[in-house]
Amino acid sequence: MPTRHDDVRRRDVRAARLFSLAKKIDSTVPWIGFPVGYAVSGILLTVFGYFAMILAR
């Protein structure tokens, strides 16, 4: 059964991979911007989808 330490370790590994990717491609966007961008775009897509359903009635 996974423990809290396993979750923290996985999160650290993902953060390290994103940070190294940002350095590798010489990104000017902060490395935290990758997951935040995906989250924001998902939220916006959901909101606009609901808005489109309301307008379609």
Protein backbone atom coordinates (compact mmCIF):
# COMPACT_ATOMS: atom_id res chain seq x y z
CA MET A 1 0.00 0.00 0.00
CA PRO A 2 1.47 3.40 -0.99
CA THR A 3 2.44 5.67 1.85
CA ARG A 4 2.55 9.43 2.12
CA HIS A 5 6.30 9.28 1.56
CA ASP A 6 5.76 7.53 -1.77
CA ASP A 7 3.45 10.35 -2.88
CA VAL A 8 6.00 12.98 -1.87
CA ARG A 9 8.77 11.10 -3.67
CA ARG A 10 6.69 10.87 -6.86
CA ARG A 11 5.90 14.58 -6.70
CA ASP A 12 9.58 15.41 -6.25
CA VAL A 13 10.56 13.24 -9.22
CA ARG A 14 7.94 14.90 -11.44
CA ALA A 15 9.06 18.37 -10.35
CA ALA A 16 12.69 17.50 -11.05
CA ARG A 17 11.80 16.20 -14.53
CA LEU A 18 9.86 19.36 -15.37
CA PHE A 19 12.67 21.56 -14.08
CA SER A 20 15.31 19.70 -16.10
CA LEU A 21 13.10 19.85 -19.22
CA ALA A 22 12.70 23.61 -18.82
CA LYS A 23 16.48 24.00 -18.51
CA LYS A 24 17.10 21.69 -21.48
CA ILE A 25 14.86 23.64 -23.86
CA ASP A 26 16.09 26.96 -22.41
CA SER A 27 12.56 28.00 -21.50
CA THR A 28 11.89 31.55 -20.35
CA VAL A 29 8.70 30.33 -18.67
CA PRO A 30 9.16 29.27 -15.04
CA TRP A 31 9.15 25.48 -14.70
CA ILE A 32 6.03 25.61 -12.54
CA GLY A 33 4.26 27.05 -15.59
CA PHE A 34 3.95 23.68 -17.32
CA PRO A 35 1.48 22.01 -14.91
CA VAL A 36 -0.26 25.29 -14.07
CA GLY A 37 -0.86 25.98 -17.75
CA TYR A 38 -2.47 22.57 -18.24
CA ALA A 39 -4.69 23.07 -15.19
CA VAL A 40 -5.80 26.55 -16.25
CA SER A 41 -6.53 25.47 -19.81
CA GLY A 42 -8.57 22.51 -18.54
CA ILE A 43 -10.63 24.77 -16.28
CA LEU A 44 -11.22 27.29 -19.07
CA LEU A 45 -12.24 24.55 -21.49
CA THR A 46 -14.74 23.22 -18.96
CA VAL A 47 -16.21 26.67 -18.28
CA PHE A 48 -16.53 27.48 -21.98
CA GLY A 49 -18.09 24.06 -22.59
CA TYR A 50 -20.78 24.72 -20.00
CA PHE A 51 -21.31 28.19 -21.44
CA ALA A 52 -21.76 26.69 -24.93
CA MET A 53 -24.30 24.18 -23.59
CA ILE A 54 -26.29 27.01 -22.01
CA LEU A 55 -26.26 29.01 -25.25
CA ALA A 56 -27.31 25.95 -27.28
CA ARG A 57 -30.64 25.66 -25.44
